[in-house]
PDB file of N, CA and C in Angstrom:
ATOM      1  N   MET A   1     -40.394  -3.549   1.592  1.00  0.00           N
ATOM      2  CA  MET A   1     -39.210  -3.449   0.780  1.00  0.00           C
ATOM      3  C   MET A   1     -38.054  -3.033   1.683  1.00  0.00           C
ATOM      4  N   SER A   2     -36.918  -3.646   1.481  1.00  0.00           N
ATOM      5  CA  SER A   2     -35.744  -3.266   2.267  1.00  0.00           C
ATOM      6  C   SER A   2     -34.620  -2.870   1.327  1.00  0.00           C
ATOM      7  N   PHE A   3     -33.817  -1.996   1.814  1.00  0.00           N
ATOM      8  CA  PHE A   3     -32.661  -1.537   1.045  1.00  0.00           C
ATOM      9  C   PHE A   3     -31.406  -1.953   1.789  1.00  0.00           C
ATOM     10  N   ARG A   4     -30.515  -2.552   1.069  1.00  0.00           N
ATOM     11  CA  ARG A   4     -29.256  -2.959   1.675  1.00  0.00           C
ATOM     12  C   ARG A   4     -28.205  -1.917   1.337  1.00  0.00           C
ATOM     13  N   ARG A   5     -27.587  -1.397   2.350  1.00  0.00           N
ATOM     14  CA  ARG A   5     -26.551  -0.388   2.129  1.00  0.00           C
ATOM     15  C   ARG A   5     -25.268  -1.077   1.694  1.00  0.00           C
ATOM     16  N   THR A   6     -24.753  -0.657   0.584  1.00  0.00           N
ATOM     17  CA  THR A   6     -23.497  -1.231   0.097  1.00  0.00           C
ATOM     18  C   THR A   6     -22.343  -0.339   0.553  1.00  0.00           C
ATOM     19  N   GLN A   7     -21.205  -0.946   0.665  1.00  0.00           N
ATOM     20  CA  GLN A   7     -20.028  -0.198   1.078  1.00  0.00           C
ATOM     21  C   GLN A   7     -19.509   0.644  -0.082  1.00  0.00           C
ATOM     22  N   ASN A   8     -19.054   1.833   0.250  1.00  0.00           N
ATOM     23  CA  ASN A   8     -18.379   2.632  -0.777  1.00  0.00           C
ATOM     24  C   ASN A   8     -16.910   2.205  -0.816  1.00  0.00           C
ATOM     25  N   ALA A   9     -16.174   2.743  -1.747  1.00  0.00           N
ATOM     26  CA  ALA A   9     -14.774   2.339  -1.935  1.00  0.00           C
ATOM     27  C   ALA A   9     -13.932   2.585  -0.689  1.00  0.00           C
ATOM     28  N   HIS A  10     -14.168   3.700  -0.011  1.00  0.00           N
ATOM     29  CA  HIS A  10     -13.391   4.000   1.195  1.00  0.00           C
ATOM     30  C   HIS A  10     -13.693   2.995   2.306  1.00  0.00           C
ATOM     31  N   ASP A  11     -14.966   2.656   2.471  1.00  0.00           N
ATOM     32  CA  ASP A  11     -15.339   1.660   3.478  1.00  0.00           C
ATOM     33  C   ASP A  11     -14.737   0.297   3.154  1.00  0.00           C
ATOM     34  N   GLN A  12     -14.733  -0.040   1.870  1.00  0.00           N
ATOM     35  CA  GLN A  12     -14.132  -1.315   1.455  1.00  0.00           C
ATOM     36  C   GLN A  12     -12.635  -1.332   1.782  1.00  0.00           C
ATOM     37  N   TRP A  13     -11.970  -0.218   1.536  1.00  0.00           N
ATOM     38  CA  TRP A  13     -10.540  -0.115   1.829  1.00  0.00           C
ATOM     39  C   TRP A  13     -10.289  -0.284   3.326  1.00  0.00           C
ATOM     40  N   LEU A  14     -11.041   0.447   4.136  1.00  0.00           N
ATOM     41  CA  LEU A  14     -10.860   0.351   5.589  1.00  0.00           C
ATOM     42  C   LEU A  14     -11.154  -1.057   6.091  1.00  0.00           C
ATOM     43  N   SER A  15     -12.158  -1.679   5.523  1.00  0.00           N
ATOM     44  CA  SER A  15     -12.491  -3.051   5.889  1.00  0.00           C
ATOM     45  C   SER A  15     -11.351  -4.001   5.517  1.00  0.00           C
ATOM     46  N   TYR A  16     -10.786  -3.822   4.334  1.00  0.00           N
ATOM     47  CA  TYR A  16      -9.655  -4.649   3.904  1.00  0.00           C
ATOM     48  C   TYR A  16      -8.471  -4.469   4.856  1.00  0.00           C
ATOM     49  N   CYS A  17      -8.164  -3.225   5.189  1.00  0.00           N
ATOM     50  CA  CYS A  17      -7.047  -2.954   6.100  1.00  0.00           C
ATOM     51  C   CYS A  17      -7.290  -3.567   7.471  1.00  0.00           C
ATOM     52  N   GLN A  18      -8.508  -3.483   7.927  1.00  0.00           N
ATOM     53  CA  GLN A  18      -8.854  -4.039   9.232  1.00  0.00           C
ATOM     54  C   GLN A  18      -8.716  -5.562   9.228  1.00  0.00           C
ATOM     55  N   LYS A  19      -9.203  -6.203   8.169  1.00  0.00           N
ATOM     56  CA  LYS A  19      -9.110  -7.658   8.056  1.00  0.00           C
ATOM     57  C   LYS A  19      -7.665  -8.125   7.919  1.00  0.00           C
ATOM     58  N   HIS A  20      -6.823  -7.265   7.387  1.00  0.00           N
ATOM     59  CA  HIS A  20      -5.415  -7.615   7.150  1.00  0.00           C
ATOM     60  C   HIS A  20      -4.483  -6.778   8.026  1.00  0.00           C
ATOM     61  N   GLU A  21      -4.916  -6.554   9.235  1.00  0.00           N
ATOM     62  CA  GLU A  21      -4.154  -5.706  10.161  1.00  0.00           C
ATOM     63  C   GLU A  21      -2.749  -6.244  10.407  1.00  0.00           C
ATOM     64  N   ARG A  22      -2.622  -7.540  10.495  1.00  0.00           N
ATOM     65  CA  ARG A  22      -1.280  -8.135  10.690  1.00  0.00           C
ATOM     66  C   ARG A  22      -0.358  -7.808   9.530  1.00  0.00           C
ATOM     67  N   ALA A  23      -0.896  -7.881   8.331  1.00  0.00           N
ATOM     68  CA  ALA A  23      -0.094  -7.582   7.137  1.00  0.00           C
ATOM     69  C   ALA A  23       0.305  -6.112   7.121  1.00  0.00           C
ATOM     70  N   VAL A  24      -0.619  -5.239   7.498  1.00  0.00           N
ATOM     71  CA  VAL A  24      -0.304  -3.804   7.575  1.00  0.00           C
ATOM     72  C   VAL A  24       0.817  -3.592   8.584  1.00  0.00           C
ATOM     73  N   ASN A  25       0.689  -4.203   9.749  1.00  0.00           N
ATOM     74  CA  ASN A  25       1.709  -4.053  10.795  1.00  0.00           C
ATOM     75  C   ASN A  25       3.051  -4.635  10.361  1.00  0.00           C
ATOM     76  N   ALA A  26       3.008  -5.722   9.597  1.00  0.00           N
ATOM     77  CA  ALA A  26       4.245  -6.363   9.144  1.00  0.00           C
ATOM     78  C   ALA A  26       5.056  -5.461   8.225  1.00  0.00           C
ATOM     79  N   THR A  27       4.390  -4.511   7.568  1.00  0.00           N
ATOM     80  CA  THR A  27       5.124  -3.603   6.684  1.00  0.00           C
ATOM     81  C   THR A  27       6.015  -2.662   7.470  1.00  0.00           C
ATOM     82  N   GLY A  28       5.631  -2.378   8.717  1.00  0.00           N
ATOM     83  CA  GLY A  28       6.395  -1.433   9.518  1.00  0.00           C
ATOM     84  C   GLY A  28       6.242   0.008   9.052  1.00  0.00           C
ATOM     85  N   LEU A  29       5.335   0.244   8.129  1.00  0.00           N
ATOM     86  CA  LEU A  29       5.124   1.584   7.585  1.00  0.00           C
ATOM     87  C   LEU A  29       4.113   2.347   8.436  1.00  0.00           C
ATOM     88  N   PRO A  30       4.144   3.676   8.383  1.00  0.00           N
ATOM     89  CA  PRO A  30       3.240   4.475   9.209  1.00  0.00           C
ATOM     90  C   PRO A  30       1.771   4.180   8.912  1.00  0.00           C
ATOM     91  N   ALA A  31       0.970   4.136   9.951  1.00  0.00           N
ATOM     92  CA  ALA A  31      -0.455   3.826   9.822  1.00  0.00           C
ATOM     93  C   ALA A  31      -1.179   4.831   8.941  1.00  0.00           C
ATOM     94  N   ASP A  32      -0.758   6.088   8.959  1.00  0.00           N
ATOM     95  CA  ASP A  32      -1.476   7.100   8.155  1.00  0.00           C
ATOM     96  C   ASP A  32      -1.324   6.854   6.651  1.00  0.00           C
ATOM     97  N   LEU A  33      -0.324   6.084   6.250  1.00  0.00           N
ATOM     98  CA  LEU A  33      -0.172   5.726   4.839  1.00  0.00           C
ATOM     99  C   LEU A  33      -1.329   4.835   4.383  1.00  0.00           C
ATOM    100  N   PHE A  34      -1.918   4.100   5.316  1.00  0.00           N
ATOM    101  CA  PHE A  34      -2.996   3.171   5.001  1.00  0.00           C
ATOM    102  C   PHE A  34      -4.384   3.762   5.277  1.00  0.00           C
ATOM    103  N   GLY A  35      -4.441   5.029   5.616  1.00  0.00           N
ATOM    104  CA  GLY A  35      -5.711   5.671   5.948  1.00  0.00           C
ATOM    105  C   GLY A  35      -6.670   5.777   4.778  1.00  0.00           C
ATOM    106  N   ARG A  36      -6.118   5.890   3.588  1.00  0.00           N
ATOM    107  CA  ARG A  36      -6.930   5.967   2.363  1.00  0.00           C
ATOM    108  C   ARG A  36      -6.186   5.224   1.261  1.00  0.00           C
ATOM    109  N   ALA A  37      -6.912   4.531   0.440  1.00  0.00           N
ATOM    110  CA  ALA A  37      -6.297   3.761  -0.646  1.00  0.00           C
ATOM    111  C   ALA A  37      -5.498   4.660  -1.576  1.00  0.00           C
ATOM    112  N   ASP A  38      -6.004   5.875  -1.826  1.00  0.00           N
ATOM    113  CA  ASP A  38      -5.297   6.750  -2.763  1.00  0.00           C
ATOM    114  C   ASP A  38      -3.944   7.204  -2.224  1.00  0.00           C
ATOM    115  N   LEU A  39      -3.787   7.284  -0.911  1.00  0.00           N
ATOM    116  CA  LEU A  39      -2.478   7.633  -0.344  1.00  0.00           C
ATOM    117  C   LEU A  39      -1.454   6.542  -0.645  1.00  0.00           C
ATOM    118  N   LEU A  40      -1.869   5.301  -0.431  1.00  0.00           N
ATOM    119  CA  LEU A  40      -0.967   4.184  -0.712  1.00  0.00           C
ATOM    120  C   LEU A  40      -0.707   4.080  -2.213  1.00  0.00           C
ATOM    121  N   GLN A  41      -1.721   4.321  -3.034  1.00  0.00           N
ATOM    122  CA  GLN A  41      -1.530   4.281  -4.482  1.00  0.00           C
ATOM    123  C   GLN A  41      -0.513   5.330  -4.921  1.00  0.00           C
ATOM    124  N   ARG A  42      -0.602   6.515  -4.362  1.00  0.00           N
ATOM    125  CA  ARG A  42       0.372   7.569  -4.717  1.00  0.00           C
ATOM    126  C   ARG A  42       1.781   7.175  -4.290  1.00  0.00           C
ATOM    127  N   PHE A  43       1.906   6.576  -3.101  1.00  0.00           N
ATOM    128  CA  PHE A  43       3.201   6.121  -2.612  1.00  0.00           C
ATOM    129  C   PHE A  43       3.791   5.090  -3.572  1.00  0.00           C
ATOM    130  N   LEU A  44       2.969   4.153  -4.024  1.00  0.00           N
ATOM    131  CA  LEU A  44       3.431   3.114  -4.942  1.00  0.00           C
ATOM    132  C   LEU A  44       3.714   3.667  -6.334  1.00  0.00           C
ATOM    133  N   HIS A  45       3.020   4.712  -6.698  1.00  0.00           N
ATOM    134  CA  HIS A  45       3.208   5.337  -8.011  1.00  0.00           C
ATOM    135  C   HIS A  45       4.429   6.254  -8.025  1.00  0.00           C
ATOM    136  N   ASP A  46       4.531   7.112  -7.006  1.00  0.00           N
ATOM    137  CA  ASP A  46       5.578   8.136  -6.969  1.00  0.00           C
ATOM    138  C   ASP A  46       6.820   7.719  -6.196  1.00  0.00           C
ATOM    139  N   GLY A  47       6.665   6.796  -5.246  1.00  0.00           N
ATOM    140  CA  GLY A  47       7.801   6.347  -4.451  1.00  0.00           C
ATOM    141  C   GLY A  47       8.082   7.180  -3.223  1.00  0.00           C
ATOM    142  N   SER A  48       7.180   8.109  -2.901  1.00  0.00           N
ATOM    143  CA  SER A  48       7.396   8.923  -1.701  1.00  0.00           C
ATOM    144  C   SER A  48       6.052   9.236  -1.035  1.00  0.00           C
ATOM    145  N   PHE A  49       6.126   9.473   0.261  1.00  0.00           N
ATOM    146  CA  PHE A  49       4.949   9.789   1.059  1.00  0.00           C
ATOM    147  C   PHE A  49       5.378  10.756   2.148  1.00  0.00           C
ATOM    148  N   LEU A  50       4.633  11.833   2.282  1.00  0.00           N
ATOM    149  CA  LEU A  50       4.923  12.806   3.329  1.00  0.00           C
ATOM    150  C   LEU A  50       4.141  12.419   4.581  1.00  0.00           C
ATOM    151  N   HIS A  51       4.858  11.945   5.580  1.00  0.00           N
ATOM    152  CA  HIS A  51       4.273  11.494   6.843  1.00  0.00           C
ATOM    153  C   HIS A  51       3.705  12.682   7.598  1.00  0.00           C
ATOM    154  N   MET A  52       2.736  12.416   8.475  1.00  0.00           N
ATOM    155  CA  MET A  52       2.116  13.486   9.275  1.00  0.00           C
ATOM    156  C   MET A  52       3.151  14.269  10.073  1.00  0.00           C
ATOM    157  N   SER A  53       4.250  13.630  10.415  1.00  0.00           N
ATOM    158  CA  SER A  53       5.301  14.288  11.193  1.00  0.00           C
ATOM    159  C   SER A  53       6.095  15.293  10.359  1.00  0.00           C
ATOM    160  N   GLY A  54       5.857  15.262   9.043  1.00  0.00           N
ATOM    161  CA  GLY A  54       6.598  16.147   8.150  1.00  0.00           C
ATOM    162  C   GLY A  54       7.777  15.458   7.486  1.00  0.00           C
ATOM    163  N   ARG A  55       8.083  14.243   7.913  1.00  0.00           N
ATOM    164  CA  ARG A  55       9.187  13.491   7.304  1.00  0.00           C
ATOM    165  C   ARG A  55       8.717  12.792   6.038  1.00  0.00           C
ATOM    166  N   GLU A  56       9.600  12.734   5.070  1.00  0.00           N
ATOM    167  CA  GLU A  56       9.276  12.051   3.824  1.00  0.00           C
ATOM    168  C   GLU A  56       9.712  10.591   3.910  1.00  0.00           C
ATOM    169  N   LEU A  57       8.811   9.710   3.537  1.00  0.00           N
ATOM    170  CA  LEU A  57       9.095   8.279   3.482  1.00  0.00           C
ATOM    171  C   LEU A  57       9.324   7.923   2.022  1.00  0.00           C
ATOM    172  N   LEU A  58      10.451   7.272   1.738  1.00  0.00           N
ATOM    173  CA  LEU A  58      10.783   6.885   0.367  1.00  0.00           C
ATOM    174  C   LEU A  58      10.697   5.372   0.220  1.00  0.00           C
ATOM    175  N   LEU A  59      10.040   4.932  -0.815  1.00  0.00           N
ATOM    176  CA  LEU A  59       9.919   3.506  -1.090  1.00  0.00           C
ATOM    177  C   LEU A  59      11.295   2.867  -1.224  1.00  0.00           C
ATOM    178  N   SER A  60      12.224   3.596  -1.786  1.00  0.00           N
ATOM    179  CA  SER A  60      13.577   3.074  -2.002  1.00  0.00           C
ATOM    180  C   SER A  60      14.360   2.899  -0.706  1.00  0.00           C
ATOM    181  N   GLN A  61      13.879   3.454   0.385  1.00  0.00           N
ATOM    182  CA  GLN A  61      14.619   3.379   1.648  1.00  0.00           C
ATOM    183  C   GLN A  61      13.997   2.459   2.688  1.00  0.00           C
ATOM    184  N   ILE A  62      12.852   1.843   2.380  1.00  0.00           N
ATOM    185  CA  ILE A  62      12.278   0.934   3.367  1.00  0.00           C
ATOM    186  C   ILE A  62      13.042  -0.390   3.312  1.00  0.00           C
ATOM    187  N   PRO A  63      13.124  -1.093   4.431  1.00  0.00           N
ATOM    188  CA  PRO A  63      13.846  -2.371   4.448  1.00  0.00           C
ATOM    189  C   PRO A  63      13.200  -3.400   3.514  1.00  0.00           C
ATOM    190  N   ASP A  64      14.000  -4.354   3.057  1.00  0.00           N
ATOM    191  CA  ASP A  64      13.492  -5.404   2.175  1.00  0.00           C
ATOM    192  C   ASP A  64      12.298  -6.133   2.784  1.00  0.00           C
ATOM    193  N   ALA A  65      12.362  -6.434   4.069  1.00  0.00           N
ATOM    194  CA  ALA A  65      11.256  -7.147   4.729  1.00  0.00           C
ATOM    195  C   ALA A  65       9.969  -6.331   4.664  1.00  0.00           C
ATOM    196  N   SER A  66      10.076  -5.027   4.823  1.00  0.00           N
ATOM    197  CA  SER A  66       8.897  -4.156   4.720  1.00  0.00           C
ATOM    198  C   SER A  66       8.365  -4.139   3.290  1.00  0.00           C
ATOM    199  N   PHE A  67       9.273  -4.114   2.333  1.00  0.00           N
ATOM    200  CA  PHE A  67       8.876  -4.107   0.927  1.00  0.00           C
ATOM    201  C   PHE A  67       8.118  -5.379   0.573  1.00  0.00           C
ATOM    202  N   VAL A  68       8.635  -6.519   0.994  1.00  0.00           N
ATOM    203  CA  VAL A  68       7.984  -7.806   0.715  1.00  0.00           C
ATOM    204  C   VAL A  68       6.622  -7.870   1.404  1.00  0.00           C
ATOM    205  N   ALA A  69       6.543  -7.408   2.643  1.00  0.00           N
ATOM    206  CA  ALA A  69       5.262  -7.393   3.363  1.00  0.00           C
ATOM    207  C   ALA A  69       4.263  -6.473   2.662  1.00  0.00           C
ATOM    208  N   LEU A  70       4.739  -5.354   2.148  1.00  0.00           N
ATOM    209  CA  LEU A  70       3.878  -4.432   1.421  1.00  0.00           C
ATOM    210  C   LEU A  70       3.363  -5.082   0.135  1.00  0.00           C
ATOM    211  N   GLU A  71       4.239  -5.768  -0.575  1.00  0.00           N
ATOM    212  CA  GLU A  71       3.818  -6.484  -1.788  1.00  0.00           C
ATOM    213  C   GLU A  71       2.721  -7.494  -1.469  1.00  0.00           C
ATOM    214  N   GLN A  72       2.913  -8.251  -0.413  1.00  0.00           N
ATOM    215  CA  GLN A  72       1.923  -9.259  -0.035  1.00  0.00           C
ATOM    216  C   GLN A  72       0.590  -8.614   0.327  1.00  0.00           C
ATOM    217  N   PHE A  73       0.641  -7.490   1.009  1.00  0.00           N
ATOM    218  CA  PHE A  73      -0.582  -6.789   1.392  1.00  0.00           C
ATOM    219  C   PHE A  73      -1.333  -6.277   0.161  1.00  0.00           C
ATOM    220  N   ILE A  74      -0.636  -5.638  -0.757  1.00  0.00           N
ATOM    221  CA  ILE A  74      -1.321  -5.040  -1.904  1.00  0.00           C
ATOM    222  C   ILE A  74      -1.770  -6.075  -2.922  1.00  0.00           C
ATOM    223  N   ASN A  75      -1.129  -7.244  -2.943  1.00  0.00           N
ATOM    224  CA  ASN A  75      -1.523  -8.280  -3.899  1.00  0.00           C
ATOM    225  C   ASN A  75      -2.979  -8.688  -3.728  1.00  0.00           C
ATOM    226  N   GLY A  76      -3.494  -8.591  -2.520  1.00  0.00           N
ATOM    227  CA  GLY A  76      -4.877  -8.971  -2.270  1.00  0.00           C
ATOM    228  C   GLY A  76      -5.885  -7.887  -2.586  1.00  0.00           C
ATOM    229  N   TYR A  77      -5.420  -6.700  -2.934  1.00  0.00           N
ATOM    230  CA  TYR A  77      -6.351  -5.593  -3.144  1.00  0.00           C
ATOM    231  C   TYR A  77      -6.241  -4.951  -4.525  1.00  0.00           C
ATOM    232  N   PHE A  78      -5.032  -4.650  -4.945  1.00  0.00           N
ATOM    233  CA  PHE A  78      -4.836  -3.953  -6.216  1.00  0.00           C
ATOM    234  C   PHE A  78      -4.556  -4.954  -7.331  1.00  0.00           C
ATOM    235  N   ASP A  79      -5.334  -4.872  -8.398  1.00  0.00           N
ATOM    236  CA  ASP A  79      -5.161  -5.771  -9.539  1.00  0.00           C
ATOM    237  C   ASP A  79      -4.244  -5.213 -10.610  1.00  0.00           C
ATOM    238  N   PHE A  80      -3.872  -3.977 -10.484  1.00  0.00           N
ATOM    239  CA  PHE A  80      -3.191  -3.280 -11.575  1.00  0.00           C
ATOM    240  C   PHE A  80      -1.835  -2.745 -11.129  1.00  0.00           C
ATOM    241  N   GLN A  81      -0.986  -3.618 -10.628  1.00  0.00           N
ATOM    242  CA  GLN A  81       0.292  -3.171 -10.089  1.00  0.00           C
ATOM    243  C   GLN A  81       1.200  -2.561 -11.152  1.00  0.00           C
ATOM    244  N   ASP A  82       0.924  -2.827 -12.422  1.00  0.00           N
ATOM    245  CA  ASP A  82       1.715  -2.201 -13.483  1.00  0.00           C
ATOM    246  C   ASP A  82       1.517  -0.696 -13.504  1.00  0.00           C
ATOM    247  N   ALA A  83       0.458  -0.218 -12.858  1.00  0.00           N
ATOM    248  CA  ALA A  83       0.178   1.227 -12.819  1.00  0.00           C
ATOM    249  C   ALA A  83       1.039   1.941 -11.779  1.00  0.00           C
ATOM    250  N   PHE A  84       1.899   1.206 -11.097  1.00  0.00           N
ATOM    251  CA  PHE A  84       2.731   1.775 -10.038  1.00  0.00           C
ATOM    252  C   PHE A  84       4.198   1.736 -10.451  1.00  0.00           C
ATOM    253  N   PRO A  85       4.655   2.731 -11.202  1.00  0.00           N
ATOM    254  CA  PRO A  85       6.030   2.687 -11.706  1.00  0.00           C
ATOM    255  C   PRO A  85       7.093   2.651 -10.620  1.00  0.00           C
ATOM    256  N   ALA A  86       6.905   3.352  -9.527  1.00  0.00           N
ATOM    257  CA  ALA A  86       7.916   3.342  -8.464  1.00  0.00           C
ATOM    258  C   ALA A  86       8.024   1.951  -7.849  1.00  0.00           C
ATOM    259  N   LEU A  87       6.892   1.287  -7.676  1.00  0.00           N
ATOM    260  CA  LEU A  87       6.897  -0.079  -7.145  1.00  0.00           C
ATOM    261  C   LEU A  87       7.628  -1.010  -8.104  1.00  0.00           C
ATOM    262  N   GLN A  88       7.311  -0.924  -9.387  1.00  0.00           N
ATOM    263  CA  GLN A  88       7.958  -1.778 -10.385  1.00  0.00           C
ATOM    264  C   GLN A  88       9.471  -1.547 -10.429  1.00  0.00           C
ATOM    265  N   LYS A  89       9.853  -0.285 -10.438  1.00  0.00           N
ATOM    266  CA  LYS A  89      11.278   0.065 -10.502  1.00  0.00           C
ATOM    267  C   LYS A  89      12.017  -0.443  -9.265  1.00  0.00           C
ATOM    268  N   GLU A  90      11.404  -0.272  -8.114  1.00  0.00           N
ATOM    269  CA  GLU A  90      12.049  -0.692  -6.864  1.00  0.00           C
ATOM    270  C   GLU A  90      12.124  -2.207  -6.752  1.00  0.00           C
ATOM    271  N   ARG A  91      11.081  -2.889  -7.187  1.00  0.00           N
ATOM    272  CA  ARG A  91      11.082  -4.363  -7.175  1.00  0.00           C
ATOM    273  C   ARG A  91      12.203  -4.888  -8.069  1.00  0.00           C
ATOM    274  N   LEU A  92      12.352  -4.287  -9.235  1.00  0.00           N
ATOM    275  CA  LEU A  92      13.402  -4.705 -10.165  1.00  0.00           C
ATOM    276  C   LEU A  92      14.789  -4.414  -9.592  1.00  0.00           C
ATOM    277  N   ARG A  93      14.953  -3.249  -8.983  1.00  0.00           N
ATOM    278  CA  ARG A  93      16.244  -2.872  -8.401  1.00  0.00           C
ATOM    279  C   ARG A  93      16.639  -3.818  -7.265  1.00  0.00           C
ATOM    280  N   ARG A  94      15.694  -4.125  -6.397  1.00  0.00           N
ATOM    281  CA  ARG A  94      15.999  -4.949  -5.223  1.00  0.00           C
ATOM    282  C   ARG A  94      16.141  -6.430  -5.536  1.00  0.00           C
ATOM    283  N   PHE A  95      15.182  -6.942  -6.288  1.00  0.00           N
ATOM    284  CA  PHE A  95      15.050  -8.397  -6.432  1.00  0.00           C
ATOM    285  C   PHE A  95      15.232  -8.904  -7.863  1.00  0.00           C
ATOM    286  N   HIS A  96      15.481  -7.982  -8.792  1.00  0.00           N
ATOM    287  CA  HIS A  96      15.697  -8.346 -10.195  1.00  0.00           C
ATOM    288  C   HIS A  96      14.524  -9.161 -10.766  1.00  0.00           C
ATOM    289  N   ARG A  97      13.311  -8.715 -10.410  1.00  0.00           N
ATOM    290  CA  ARG A  97      12.110  -9.375 -10.933  1.00  0.00           C
ATOM    291  C   ARG A  97      11.042  -8.321 -11.186  1.00  0.00           C
ATOM    292  N   HIS A  98      10.112  -8.688 -12.058  1.00  0.00           N
ATOM    293  CA  HIS A  98       9.035  -7.763 -12.425  1.00  0.00           C
ATOM    294  C   HIS A  98       7.788  -7.976 -11.599  1.00  0.00           C
ATOM    295  N   GLY A  99       7.555  -9.107 -11.072  1.00  0.00           N
ATOM    296  CA  GLY A  99       6.308  -9.332 -10.340  1.00  0.00           C
ATOM    297  C   GLY A  99       6.391 -10.439  -9.350  1.00  0.00           C
TER     298      GLY A  99
END
């Protein structure tokens, strides 16, 4: 009998980030934001992230190109983007669209 080890959610997240490294880099956002899925989820929900350097990163202040790259990256992983009010609000403010 053999047992196949399945990936846990954190391993799946890291694997996704690794497979989509170009997309992560295209965002221009700090790598530590992508260290755990829940960190990125909080950033998309609240609109802010406290970087390891102590500086606060605001979703409303990232360049449009970074925002679009971030949208493309998360589209392949998160199915419930409506759960991210800061993302929705910022998308509407910048591009006058909901999705």
